[in-house]
Amino acid sequence: MSAATEPAPSGAATGPNHGLRIALIWAVLALAADLLIWFVWGPHLPPGRMASAAQTQQDAIKVLAVTAAPVMVLVLVYFSYAFIVWRQRAGDDTDGPPIHGNTRVQATWITVTSILVLAVFVFGTVELATAQGAGAGQGPTPLWKPGGTPLQVQVIGQQWKFTYRYPQYGGFETTALVLPVGQWVQFNVTSLDVIHSFWAYQLGVKADANPGVNNVAYTKPTSTGSVTVRCAELCGLWHGAMFDYGAVLSVPAFRAWAVRTEARLAPITRMLPPYATTYDPTVIPTINKAMAKAGILGANGYYYPPQDPVQP
């Protein structure tokens, strides 16, 4: 038998299967990371679960985090393994084997990452086109609408205050955002002066307030509590002070508040322009006088707190 065909000695050493090692380490750590994200970290992710839009946003963040974690873990495991196992030892001056690429690894990486990206694309598109994207503010004609008759709340941005009109309760306007639990709410968001952004954090609603535009967003509060409202668009000198707090009440408590407020503000409501999705800015001074007469500072337009310097 020639030397070329002579079998290797029975005790010949073979190298470790590095690919299998890396795969096993990665599988354990990736599973642990996904379980921690979904069950431990996930329930505490923003914006919480106080409303339908907030819940779906939290779930979307969890899905994206669970999708991204195995990829990140694989990169970290590979580089850690390479640093520990394949590092240059002291006194070893030999060159490593010349490697010009690995078609199998490259094809696998491209295939897997392409599938992940396309899956995220489909997931995001479906989220925006259904109830899950209802809190994003989708212009005057949103792709999705809830069934039944939602409570309509018009959000009016102005420097530097948000006010709210309730057309189903006589069209009164107030600086208090009060909502009922368990009922769909339709926000009609607009502005009287510059661009603002209505951000009701715990409700998962964030919609731009543009002059002359009605920007619609939906959400359904699922629990009672306090809501933080901020302007998320730089809108002038006192942008940082343009925040307030709203409340989600039980249905009976909300109805009692709405009826009481409608009756109290009835004389002022008659001085306001008829309810519309947008308003002519030239009538702002008249509206402002009416609201000032009612003792409601900051409605409508050109809000300057008493302690602020005189503004033009």
C-alpha atoms as a PDB file:
ATOM      1  CA  MET A   1       0.000   0.000   0.000  1.00  0.00           C
ATOM      2  CA  SER A   2       1.393   3.360  -0.953  1.00  0.00           C
ATOM      3  CA  ALA A   3       1.952   6.156   1.520  1.00  0.00           C
ATOM      4  CA  ALA A   4      -0.694   8.250  -0.230  1.00  0.00           C
ATOM      5  CA  THR A   5      -3.436   5.732   0.585  1.00  0.00           C
ATOM      6  CA  GLU A   6      -2.186   4.606   3.973  1.00  0.00           C
ATOM      7  CA  PRO A   7      -4.833   5.288   6.670  1.00  0.00           C
ATOM      8  CA  ALA A   8      -4.069   7.714   9.458  1.00  0.00           C
ATOM      9  CA  PRO A   9      -2.977   6.236  12.782  1.00  0.00           C
ATOM     10  CA  SER A  10      -5.866   5.362  15.059  1.00  0.00           C
ATOM     11  CA  GLY A  11      -4.788   7.824  17.741  1.00  0.00           C
ATOM     12  CA  ALA A  12      -4.395  10.820  15.461  1.00  0.00           C
ATOM     13  CA  ALA A  13      -5.702  14.044  17.025  1.00  0.00           C
ATOM     14  CA  THR A  14      -8.444  15.975  15.342  1.00  0.00           C
ATOM     15  CA  GLY A  15      -9.205  19.670  15.891  1.00  0.00           C
ATOM     16  CA  PRO A  16     -12.227  20.805  17.907  1.00  0.00           C
ATOM     17  CA  ASN A  17     -15.431  21.721  16.094  1.00  0.00           C
ATOM     18  CA  HIS A  18     -15.325  25.470  16.684  1.00  0.00           C
ATOM     19  CA  GLY A  19     -18.516  26.082  14.745  1.00  0.00           C
ATOM     20  CA  LEU A  20     -20.488  23.701  16.955  1.00  0.00           C
ATOM     21  CA  ARG A  21     -18.998  25.239  20.085  1.00  0.00           C
ATOM     22  CA  ILE A  22     -19.961  28.750  18.997  1.00  0.00           C
ATOM     23  CA  ALA A  23     -23.448  27.622  17.980  1.00  0.00           C
ATOM     24  CA  LEU A  24     -24.127  25.948  21.343  1.00  0.00           C
ATOM     25  CA  ILE A  25     -22.871  28.917  23.370  1.00  0.00           C
ATOM     26  CA  TRP A  26     -24.870  31.291  21.178  1.00  0.00           C
ATOM     27  CA  ALA A  27     -28.076  29.236  21.461  1.00  0.00           C
ATOM     28  CA  VAL A  28     -27.974  29.191  25.264  1.00  0.00           C
ATOM     29  CA  LEU A  29     -27.163  32.884  25.638  1.00  0.00           C
ATOM     30  CA  ALA A  30     -29.617  33.996  22.938  1.00  0.00           C
ATOM     31  CA  LEU A  31     -32.450  32.021  24.565  1.00  0.00           C
ATOM     32  CA  ALA A  32     -31.591  33.479  27.971  1.00  0.00           C
ATOM     33  CA  ALA A  33     -31.492  37.010  26.537  1.00  0.00           C
ATOM     34  CA  ASP A  34     -34.856  36.639  24.808  1.00  0.00           C
ATOM     35  CA  LEU A  35     -36.503  35.238  27.930  1.00  0.00           C
ATOM     36  CA  LEU A  36     -35.149  38.094  30.038  1.00  0.00           C
ATOM     37  CA  ILE A  37     -36.285  40.685  27.499  1.00  0.00           C
ATOM     38  CA  TRP A  38     -39.801  39.279  27.137  1.00  0.00           C
ATOM     39  CA  PHE A  39     -40.635  38.383  30.738  1.00  0.00           C
ATOM     40  CA  VAL A  40     -38.402  40.614  32.912  1.00  0.00           C
ATOM     41  CA  TRP A  41     -37.527  43.766  30.989  1.00  0.00           C
ATOM     42  CA  GLY A  42     -40.496  43.832  28.604  1.00  0.00           C
ATOM     43  CA  PRO A  43     -43.296  44.665  31.071  1.00  0.00           C
ATOM     44  CA  HIS A  44     -41.368  47.773  32.165  1.00  0.00           C
ATOM     45  CA  LEU A  45     -40.667  49.147  28.705  1.00  0.00           C
ATOM     46  CA  PRO A  46     -42.169  52.517  27.727  1.00  0.00           C
ATOM     47  CA  PRO A  47     -44.803  53.784  27.269  1.00  0.00           C
ATOM     48  CA  GLY A  48     -46.514  51.240  29.522  1.00  0.00           C
ATOM     49  CA  ARG A  49     -49.939  49.635  29.148  1.00  0.00           C
ATOM     50  CA  MET A  50     -52.409  52.367  30.140  1.00  0.00           C
ATOM     51  CA  ALA A  51     -54.046  52.506  26.689  1.00  0.00           C
ATOM     52  CA  SER A  52     -54.366  50.375  23.576  1.00  0.00           C
ATOM     53  CA  ALA A  53     -51.847  52.384  21.570  1.00  0.00           C
ATOM     54  CA  ALA A  54     -49.353  52.288  24.438  1.00  0.00           C
ATOM     55  CA  GLN A  55     -49.728  48.525  24.820  1.00  0.00           C
ATOM     56  CA  THR A  56     -49.089  47.826  21.153  1.00  0.00           C
ATOM     57  CA  GLN A  57     -46.069  50.139  21.145  1.00  0.00           C
ATOM     58  CA  GLN A  58     -44.615  48.302  24.120  1.00  0.00           C
ATOM     59  CA  ASP A  59     -45.279  44.962  22.424  1.00  0.00           C
ATOM     60  CA  ALA A  60     -43.617  46.202  19.224  1.00  0.00           C
ATOM     61  CA  ILE A  61     -40.509  47.229  21.158  1.00  0.00           C
ATOM     62  CA  LYS A  62     -40.438  43.778  22.792  1.00  0.00           C
ATOM     63  CA  VAL A  63     -40.723  42.028  19.422  1.00  0.00           C
ATOM     64  CA  LEU A  64     -37.921  44.118  17.911  1.00  0.00           C
ATOM     65  CA  ALA A  65     -35.709  43.583  20.962  1.00  0.00           C
ATOM     66  CA  VAL A  66     -36.299  39.819  20.917  1.00  0.00           C
ATOM     67  CA  THR A  67     -35.480  39.791  17.193  1.00  0.00           C
ATOM     68  CA  ALA A  68     -32.306  41.835  17.554  1.00  0.00           C
ATOM     69  CA  ALA A  69     -30.906  40.154  20.678  1.00  0.00           C
ATOM     70  CA  PRO A  70     -29.817  36.852  19.033  1.00  0.00           C
ATOM     71  CA  VAL A  71     -27.977  38.765  16.297  1.00  0.00           C
ATOM     72  CA  MET A  72     -26.159  40.905  18.843  1.00  0.00           C
ATOM     73  CA  VAL A  73     -25.371  37.860  21.007  1.00  0.00           C
ATOM     74  CA  LEU A  74     -23.957  36.002  17.988  1.00  0.00           C
ATOM     75  CA  VAL A  75     -21.573  38.851  17.176  1.00  0.00           C
ATOM     76  CA  LEU A  76     -20.440  39.138  20.805  1.00  0.00           C
ATOM     77  CA  VAL A  77     -20.019  35.358  21.201  1.00  0.00           C
ATOM     78  CA  TYR A  78     -18.016  35.023  17.984  1.00  0.00           C
ATOM     79  CA  PHE A  79     -15.608  37.841  18.836  1.00  0.00           C
ATOM     80  CA  SER A  80     -15.238  36.665  22.440  1.00  0.00           C
ATOM     81  CA  TYR A  81     -14.549  33.113  21.296  1.00  0.00           C
ATOM     82  CA  ALA A  82     -12.047  34.300  18.711  1.00  0.00           C
ATOM     83  CA  PHE A  83     -10.310  36.497  21.269  1.00  0.00           C
ATOM     84  CA  ILE A  84      -9.991  33.643  23.769  1.00  0.00           C
ATOM     85  CA  VAL A  85      -9.376  30.606  21.536  1.00  0.00           C
ATOM     86  CA  TRP A  86      -7.619  31.987  18.479  1.00  0.00           C
ATOM     87  CA  ARG A  87      -5.524  34.719  20.041  1.00  0.00           C
ATOM     88  CA  GLN A  88      -1.811  34.701  19.389  1.00  0.00           C
ATOM     89  CA  ARG A  89       0.100  32.834  22.081  1.00  0.00           C
ATOM     90  CA  ALA A  90       3.432  33.970  23.461  1.00  0.00           C
ATOM     91  CA  GLY A  91       6.299  32.778  21.265  1.00  0.00           C
ATOM     92  CA  ASP A  92       3.999  31.831  18.382  1.00  0.00           C
ATOM     93  CA  ASP A  93       5.254  33.713  15.333  1.00  0.00           C
ATOM     94  CA  THR A  94       3.607  31.519  12.725  1.00  0.00           C
ATOM     95  CA  ASP A  95       1.021  32.888  10.326  1.00  0.00           C
ATOM     96  CA  GLY A  96      -2.533  31.670  10.396  1.00  0.00           C
ATOM     97  CA  PRO A  97      -3.975  29.749   7.462  1.00  0.00           C
ATOM     98  CA  PRO A  98      -4.772  31.919   4.423  1.00  0.00           C
ATOM     99  CA  ILE A  99      -8.552  32.262   4.349  1.00  0.00           C
ATOM    100  CA  HIS A 100     -10.175  33.909   1.359  1.00  0.00           C
ATOM    101  CA  GLY A 101     -13.807  33.534   2.413  1.00  0.00           C
ATOM    102  CA  ASN A 102     -16.400  30.975   3.297  1.00  0.00           C
ATOM    103  CA  THR A 103     -19.284  30.756   0.869  1.00  0.00           C
ATOM    104  CA  ARG A 104     -21.490  28.788   3.267  1.00  0.00           C
ATOM    105  CA  VAL A 105     -21.074  31.284   6.131  1.00  0.00           C
ATOM    106  CA  GLN A 106     -21.589  34.270   3.834  1.00  0.00           C
ATOM    107  CA  ALA A 107     -24.716  32.814   2.242  1.00  0.00           C
ATOM    108  CA  THR A 108     -26.168  31.877   5.630  1.00  0.00           C
ATOM    109  CA  TRP A 109     -25.523  35.340   7.059  1.00  0.00           C
ATOM    110  CA  ILE A 110     -27.060  37.115   4.069  1.00  0.00           C
ATOM    111  CA  THR A 111     -30.095  34.808   4.029  1.00  0.00           C
ATOM    112  CA  VAL A 112     -30.827  35.037   7.752  1.00  0.00           C
ATOM    113  CA  THR A 113     -30.382  38.813   7.989  1.00  0.00           C
ATOM    114  CA  SER A 114     -32.480  39.358   4.852  1.00  0.00           C
ATOM    115  CA  ILE A 115     -35.302  37.293   6.334  1.00  0.00           C
ATOM    116  CA  LEU A 116     -35.111  39.266   9.577  1.00  0.00           C
ATOM    117  CA  VAL A 117     -35.182  42.649   7.809  1.00  0.00           C
ATOM    118  CA  LEU A 118     -38.108  41.648   5.581  1.00  0.00           C
ATOM    119  CA  ALA A 119     -40.009  40.243   8.569  1.00  0.00           C
ATOM    120  CA  VAL A 120     -39.537  43.495  10.483  1.00  0.00           C
ATOM    121  CA  PHE A 121     -40.664  45.427   7.388  1.00  0.00           C
ATOM    122  CA  VAL A 122     -43.881  43.409   7.137  1.00  0.00           C
ATOM    123  CA  PHE A 123     -44.462  43.637  10.891  1.00  0.00           C
ATOM    124  CA  GLY A 124     -44.039  47.424  10.908  1.00  0.00           C
ATOM    125  CA  THR A 125     -46.269  47.920   7.879  1.00  0.00           C
ATOM    126  CA  VAL A 126     -49.083  45.861   9.415  1.00  0.00           C
ATOM    127  CA  GLU A 127     -48.705  47.704  12.723  1.00  0.00           C
ATOM    128  CA  LEU A 128     -49.110  51.104  11.037  1.00  0.00           C
ATOM    129  CA  ALA A 129     -52.067  50.038   8.894  1.00  0.00           C
ATOM    130  CA  THR A 130     -54.156  48.561  11.721  1.00  0.00           C
ATOM    131  CA  ALA A 131     -55.273  49.496  15.233  1.00  0.00           C
ATOM    132  CA  GLN A 132     -51.696  49.130  16.437  1.00  0.00           C
ATOM    133  CA  GLY A 133     -50.693  52.330  14.628  1.00  0.00           C
ATOM    134  CA  ALA A 134     -53.785  54.289  15.621  1.00  0.00           C
ATOM    135  CA  GLY A 135     -51.947  56.511  18.106  1.00  0.00           C
ATOM    136  CA  ALA A 136     -49.458  57.868  15.593  1.00  0.00           C
ATOM    137  CA  GLY A 137     -51.560  60.612  14.033  1.00  0.00           C
ATOM    138  CA  GLN A 138     -52.209  59.719  10.404  1.00  0.00           C
ATOM    139  CA  GLY A 139     -53.569  62.944   8.954  1.00  0.00           C
ATOM    140  CA  PRO A 140     -57.243  63.733   8.371  1.00  0.00           C
ATOM    141  CA  THR A 141     -57.968  60.333   6.759  1.00  0.00           C
ATOM    142  CA  PRO A 142     -56.335  57.578   8.842  1.00  0.00           C
ATOM    143  CA  LEU A 143     -55.958  54.103   7.374  1.00  0.00           C
ATOM    144  CA  TRP A 144     -57.747  52.485  10.310  1.00  0.00           C
ATOM    145  CA  LYS A 145     -60.812  53.571  12.295  1.00  0.00           C
ATOM    146  CA  PRO A 146     -62.415  51.922  15.327  1.00  0.00           C
ATOM    147  CA  GLY A 147     -65.941  50.624  15.173  1.00  0.00           C
ATOM    148  CA  GLY A 148     -68.802  52.477  16.810  1.00  0.00           C
ATOM    149  CA  THR A 149     -68.761  56.134  17.796  1.00  0.00           C
ATOM    150  CA  PRO A 150     -65.570  57.182  19.609  1.00  0.00           C
ATOM    151  CA  LEU A 151     -65.379  60.109  22.002  1.00  0.00           C
ATOM    152  CA  GLN A 152     -64.033  63.058  20.022  1.00  0.00           C
ATOM    153  CA  VAL A 153     -61.502  65.333  21.672  1.00  0.00           C
ATOM    154  CA  GLN A 154     -60.004  68.191  19.700  1.00  0.00           C
ATOM    155  CA  VAL A 155     -56.457  69.053  20.718  1.00  0.00           C
ATOM    156  CA  ILE A 156     -55.573  72.672  19.929  1.00  0.00           C
ATOM    157  CA  GLY A 157     -51.904  73.607  20.174  1.00  0.00           C
ATOM    158  CA  GLN A 158     -50.927  77.204  20.752  1.00  0.00           C
ATOM    159  CA  GLN A 159     -48.021  79.101  22.242  1.00  0.00           C
ATOM    160  CA  TRP A 160     -47.652  77.649  24.802  1.00  0.00           C
ATOM    161  CA  LYS A 161     -50.564  75.533  25.903  1.00  0.00           C
ATOM    162  CA  PHE A 162     -52.800  72.688  24.767  1.00  0.00           C
ATOM    163  CA  THR A 163     -56.544  73.183  25.048  1.00  0.00           C
ATOM    164  CA  TYR A 164     -59.274  70.635  24.384  1.00  0.00           C
ATOM    165  CA  ARG A 165     -62.724  70.915  22.833  1.00  0.00           C
ATOM    166  CA  TYR A 166     -65.422  68.288  23.304  1.00  0.00           C
ATOM    167  CA  PRO A 167     -67.844  68.592  20.343  1.00  0.00           C
ATOM    168  CA  GLN A 168     -70.152  65.868  21.682  1.00  0.00           C
ATOM    169  CA  TYR A 169     -70.685  67.944  24.838  1.00  0.00           C
ATOM    170  CA  GLY A 170     -71.637  71.266  23.328  1.00  0.00           C
ATOM    171  CA  GLY A 171     -68.149  72.096  22.027  1.00  0.00           C
ATOM    172  CA  PHE A 172     -66.830  73.544  25.281  1.00  0.00           C
ATOM    173  CA  GLU A 173     -63.107  74.197  25.489  1.00  0.00           C
ATOM    174  CA  THR A 174     -60.908  73.644  28.510  1.00  0.00           C
ATOM    175  CA  THR A 175     -57.278  73.204  29.469  1.00  0.00           C
ATOM    176  CA  ALA A 176     -58.105  69.910  31.221  1.00  0.00           C
ATOM    177  CA  LEU A 177     -57.705  66.642  29.313  1.00  0.00           C
ATOM    178  CA  VAL A 178     -60.151  64.194  30.861  1.00  0.00           C
ATOM    179  CA  LEU A 179     -61.041  60.839  29.270  1.00  0.00           C
ATOM    180  CA  PRO A 180     -63.209  57.817  30.121  1.00  0.00           C
ATOM    181  CA  VAL A 181     -61.699  54.383  30.611  1.00  0.00           C
ATOM    182  CA  GLY A 182     -62.603  51.573  28.218  1.00  0.00           C
ATOM    183  CA  GLN A 183     -63.819  53.791  25.368  1.00  0.00           C
ATOM    184  CA  TRP A 184     -62.171  54.640  22.060  1.00  0.00           C
ATOM    185  CA  VAL A 185     -61.048  58.259  21.823  1.00  0.00           C
ATOM    186  CA  GLN A 186     -60.540  60.138  18.558  1.00  0.00           C
ATOM    187  CA  PHE A 187     -58.047  62.980  18.891  1.00  0.00           C
ATOM    188  CA  ASN A 188     -58.362  65.709  16.265  1.00  0.00           C
ATOM    189  CA  VAL A 189     -55.077  67.563  16.583  1.00  0.00           C
ATOM    190  CA  THR A 190     -54.505  71.032  15.115  1.00  0.00           C
ATOM    191  CA  SER A 191     -52.723  74.303  15.890  1.00  0.00           C
ATOM    192  CA  LEU A 192     -53.549  78.007  15.958  1.00  0.00           C
ATOM    193  CA  ASP A 193     -50.071  79.413  15.366  1.00  0.00           C
ATOM    194  CA  VAL A 194     -46.883  77.367  14.851  1.00  0.00           C
ATOM    195  CA  ILE A 195     -46.152  73.638  14.628  1.00  0.00           C
ATOM    196  CA  HIS A 196     -46.549  71.784  17.922  1.00  0.00           C
ATOM    197  CA  SER A 197     -46.612  68.072  18.745  1.00  0.00           C
ATOM    198  CA  PHE A 198     -49.205  66.581  21.081  1.00  0.00           C
ATOM    199  CA  TRP A 199     -47.584  63.816  23.122  1.00  0.00           C
ATOM    200  CA  ALA A 200     -49.785  62.034  25.660  1.00  0.00           C
ATOM    201  CA  TYR A 201     -47.099  59.698  26.939  1.00  0.00           C
ATOM    202  CA  GLN A 202     -49.047  57.086  28.910  1.00  0.00           C
ATOM    203  CA  LEU A 203     -51.705  56.874  26.163  1.00  0.00           C
ATOM    204  CA  GLY A 204     -49.168  56.089  23.443  1.00  0.00           C
ATOM    205  CA  VAL A 205     -50.379  59.048  21.361  1.00  0.00           C
ATOM    206  CA  LYS A 206     -48.001  61.402  19.584  1.00  0.00           C
ATOM    207  CA  ALA A 207     -49.391  63.539  16.757  1.00  0.00           C
ATOM    208  CA  ASP A 208     -48.154  66.751  15.157  1.00  0.00           C
ATOM    209  CA  ALA A 209     -50.307  69.849  15.591  1.00  0.00           C
ATOM    210  CA  ASN A 210     -50.039  71.819  12.345  1.00  0.00           C
ATOM    211  CA  PRO A 211     -51.908  75.047  11.535  1.00  0.00           C
ATOM    212  CA  GLY A 212     -54.782  74.422   9.144  1.00  0.00           C
ATOM    213  CA  VAL A 213     -54.446  70.605   9.407  1.00  0.00           C
ATOM    214  CA  ASN A 214     -56.546  68.052  11.272  1.00  0.00           C
ATOM    215  CA  ASN A 215     -54.314  65.188  12.379  1.00  0.00           C
ATOM    216  CA  VAL A 216     -56.313  62.210  13.691  1.00  0.00           C
ATOM    217  CA  ALA A 217     -55.123  59.663  16.264  1.00  0.00           C
ATOM    218  CA  TYR A 218     -57.008  56.952  18.161  1.00  0.00           C
ATOM    219  CA  THR A 219     -56.506  55.166  21.441  1.00  0.00           C
ATOM    220  CA  LYS A 220     -58.576  53.355  24.064  1.00  0.00           C
ATOM    221  CA  PRO A 221     -57.614  53.946  27.719  1.00  0.00           C
ATOM    222  CA  THR A 222     -57.575  50.632  29.549  1.00  0.00           C
ATOM    223  CA  SER A 223     -56.974  51.837  33.112  1.00  0.00           C
ATOM    224  CA  THR A 224     -57.571  54.961  35.136  1.00  0.00           C
ATOM    225  CA  GLY A 225     -54.767  57.262  36.207  1.00  0.00           C
ATOM    226  CA  SER A 226     -52.782  60.360  35.406  1.00  0.00           C
ATOM    227  CA  VAL A 227     -51.548  61.242  31.899  1.00  0.00           C
ATOM    228  CA  THR A 228     -48.531  63.414  31.124  1.00  0.00           C
ATOM    229  CA  VAL A 229     -48.994  65.738  28.143  1.00  0.00           C
ATOM    230  CA  ARG A 230     -46.020  67.483  26.545  1.00  0.00           C
ATOM    231  CA  CYS A 231     -45.214  69.352  23.376  1.00  0.00           C
ATOM    232  CA  ALA A 232     -42.608  67.331  21.472  1.00  0.00           C
ATOM    233  CA  GLU A 233     -41.854  69.937  18.782  1.00  0.00           C
ATOM    234  CA  LEU A 234     -39.701  73.023  19.366  1.00  0.00           C
ATOM    235  CA  CYS A 235     -42.311  75.782  19.170  1.00  0.00           C
ATOM    236  CA  GLY A 236     -40.767  78.931  20.561  1.00  0.00           C
ATOM    237  CA  LEU A 237     -39.478  80.611  23.685  1.00  0.00           C
ATOM    238  CA  TRP A 238     -41.506  78.711  26.290  1.00  0.00           C
ATOM    239  CA  HIS A 239     -41.604  75.324  24.563  1.00  0.00           C
ATOM    240  CA  GLY A 240     -40.043  73.666  27.611  1.00  0.00           C
ATOM    241  CA  ALA A 241     -42.939  74.841  29.796  1.00  0.00           C
ATOM    242  CA  MET A 242     -45.616  73.523  27.431  1.00  0.00           C
ATOM    243  CA  PHE A 243     -46.690  70.497  29.449  1.00  0.00           C
ATOM    244  CA  ASP A 244     -49.630  69.537  31.583  1.00  0.00           C
ATOM    245  CA  TYR A 245     -51.359  66.558  33.124  1.00  0.00           C
ATOM    246  CA  GLY A 246     -54.607  64.845  32.193  1.00  0.00           C
ATOM    247  CA  ALA A 247     -56.641  62.090  33.769  1.00  0.00           C
ATOM    248  CA  VAL A 248     -58.464  58.919  32.786  1.00  0.00           C
ATOM    249  CA  LEU A 249     -61.593  58.463  34.909  1.00  0.00           C
ATOM    250  CA  SER A 250     -64.301  55.867  35.246  1.00  0.00           C
ATOM    251  CA  VAL A 251     -67.170  56.308  32.767  1.00  0.00           C
ATOM    252  CA  PRO A 252     -69.628  57.712  35.371  1.00  0.00           C
ATOM    253  CA  ALA A 253     -67.000  60.110  36.738  1.00  0.00           C
ATOM    254  CA  PHE A 254     -66.117  61.314  33.238  1.00  0.00           C
ATOM    255  CA  ARG A 255     -69.741  61.911  32.275  1.00  0.00           C
ATOM    256  CA  ALA A 256     -70.358  63.834  35.488  1.00  0.00           C
ATOM    257  CA  TRP A 257     -67.287  65.990  34.794  1.00  0.00           C
ATOM    258  CA  ALA A 258     -68.283  66.600  31.160  1.00  0.00           C
ATOM    259  CA  VAL A 259     -71.878  67.588  31.983  1.00  0.00           C
ATOM    260  CA  ARG A 260     -70.748  69.821  34.835  1.00  0.00           C
ATOM    261  CA  THR A 261     -68.057  71.513  32.724  1.00  0.00           C
ATOM    262  CA  GLU A 262     -70.412  71.963  29.761  1.00  0.00           C
ATOM    263  CA  ALA A 263     -72.922  73.782  31.980  1.00  0.00           C
ATOM    264  CA  ARG A 264     -70.271  75.913  33.685  1.00  0.00           C
ATOM    265  CA  LEU A 265     -68.670  77.041  30.423  1.00  0.00           C
ATOM    266  CA  ALA A 266     -71.894  77.441  28.412  1.00  0.00           C
ATOM    267  CA  PRO A 267     -71.720  81.290  28.361  1.00  0.00           C
ATOM    268  CA  ILE A 268     -68.097  81.143  27.161  1.00  0.00           C
ATOM    269  CA  THR A 269     -68.793  78.426  24.595  1.00  0.00           C
ATOM    270  CA  ARG A 270     -71.337  80.724  22.924  1.00  0.00           C
ATOM    271  CA  MET A 271     -68.549  83.258  22.387  1.00  0.00           C
ATOM    272  CA  LEU A 272     -66.308  80.725  20.648  1.00  0.00           C
ATOM    273  CA  PRO A 273     -66.412  80.047  16.913  1.00  0.00           C
ATOM    274  CA  PRO A 274     -68.453  76.976  15.948  1.00  0.00           C
ATOM    275  CA  TYR A 275     -66.594  73.717  16.334  1.00  0.00           C
ATOM    276  CA  ALA A 276     -64.484  72.882  13.278  1.00  0.00           C
ATOM    277  CA  THR A 277     -61.480  70.690  12.598  1.00  0.00           C
ATOM    278  CA  THR A 278     -59.343  73.815  11.988  1.00  0.00           C
ATOM    279  CA  TYR A 279     -59.713  77.504  12.817  1.00  0.00           C
ATOM    280  CA  ASP A 280     -58.851  80.834  11.256  1.00  0.00           C
ATOM    281  CA  PRO A 281     -55.910  82.301  13.208  1.00  0.00           C
ATOM    282  CA  THR A 282     -57.255  85.839  12.746  1.00  0.00           C
ATOM    283  CA  VAL A 283     -59.989  85.148  15.299  1.00  0.00           C
ATOM    284  CA  ILE A 284     -57.510  84.149  17.999  1.00  0.00           C
ATOM    285  CA  PRO A 285     -57.574  87.510  19.839  1.00  0.00           C
ATOM    286  CA  THR A 286     -61.354  87.309  20.140  1.00  0.00           C
ATOM    287  CA  ILE A 287     -61.215  83.735  21.365  1.00  0.00           C
ATOM    288  CA  ASN A 288     -58.488  84.647  23.836  1.00  0.00           C
ATOM    289  CA  LYS A 289     -60.609  87.402  25.357  1.00  0.00           C
ATOM    290  CA  ALA A 290     -63.485  84.997  25.785  1.00  0.00           C
ATOM    291  CA  MET A 291     -61.355  82.396  27.504  1.00  0.00           C
ATOM    292  CA  ALA A 292     -59.621  84.997  29.677  1.00  0.00           C
ATOM    293  CA  LYS A 293     -63.068  86.186  30.777  1.00  0.00           C
ATOM    294  CA  ALA A 294     -63.788  82.614  31.830  1.00  0.00           C
ATOM    295  CA  GLY A 295     -60.586  82.543  33.861  1.00  0.00           C
ATOM    296  CA  ILE A 296     -58.992  79.879  31.655  1.00  0.00           C
ATOM    297  CA  LEU A 297     -55.491  81.181  31.013  1.00  0.00           C
ATOM    298  CA  GLY A 298     -53.812  80.118  27.824  1.00  0.00           C
ATOM    299  CA  ALA A 299     -56.914  79.491  25.736  1.00  0.00           C
ATOM    300  CA  ASN A 300     -56.836  80.361  22.986  1.00  0.00           C
ATOM    301  CA  GLY A 301     -53.510  81.299  21.557  1.00  0.00           C
ATOM    302  CA  TYR A 302     -50.527  83.414  22.574  1.00  0.00           C
ATOM    303  CA  TYR A 303     -50.223  82.006  26.054  1.00  0.00           C
ATOM    304  CA  TYR A 304     -47.974  84.023  28.342  1.00  0.00           C
ATOM    305  CA  PRO A 305     -48.051  83.216  32.040  1.00  0.00           C
ATOM    306  CA  PRO A 306     -48.390  86.292  34.294  1.00  0.00           C
ATOM    307  CA  GLN A 307     -44.833  85.960  35.616  1.00  0.00           C
ATOM    308  CA  ASP A 308     -43.306  86.052  32.135  1.00  0.00           C
ATOM    309  CA  PRO A 309     -41.912  89.229  30.579  1.00  0.00           C
ATOM    310  CA  VAL A 310     -44.106  91.173  28.190  1.00  0.00           C
ATOM    311  CA  GLN A 311     -44.162  89.546  24.775  1.00  0.00           C
ATOM    312  CA  PRO A 312     -44.868  91.108  21.376  1.00  0.00           C
END
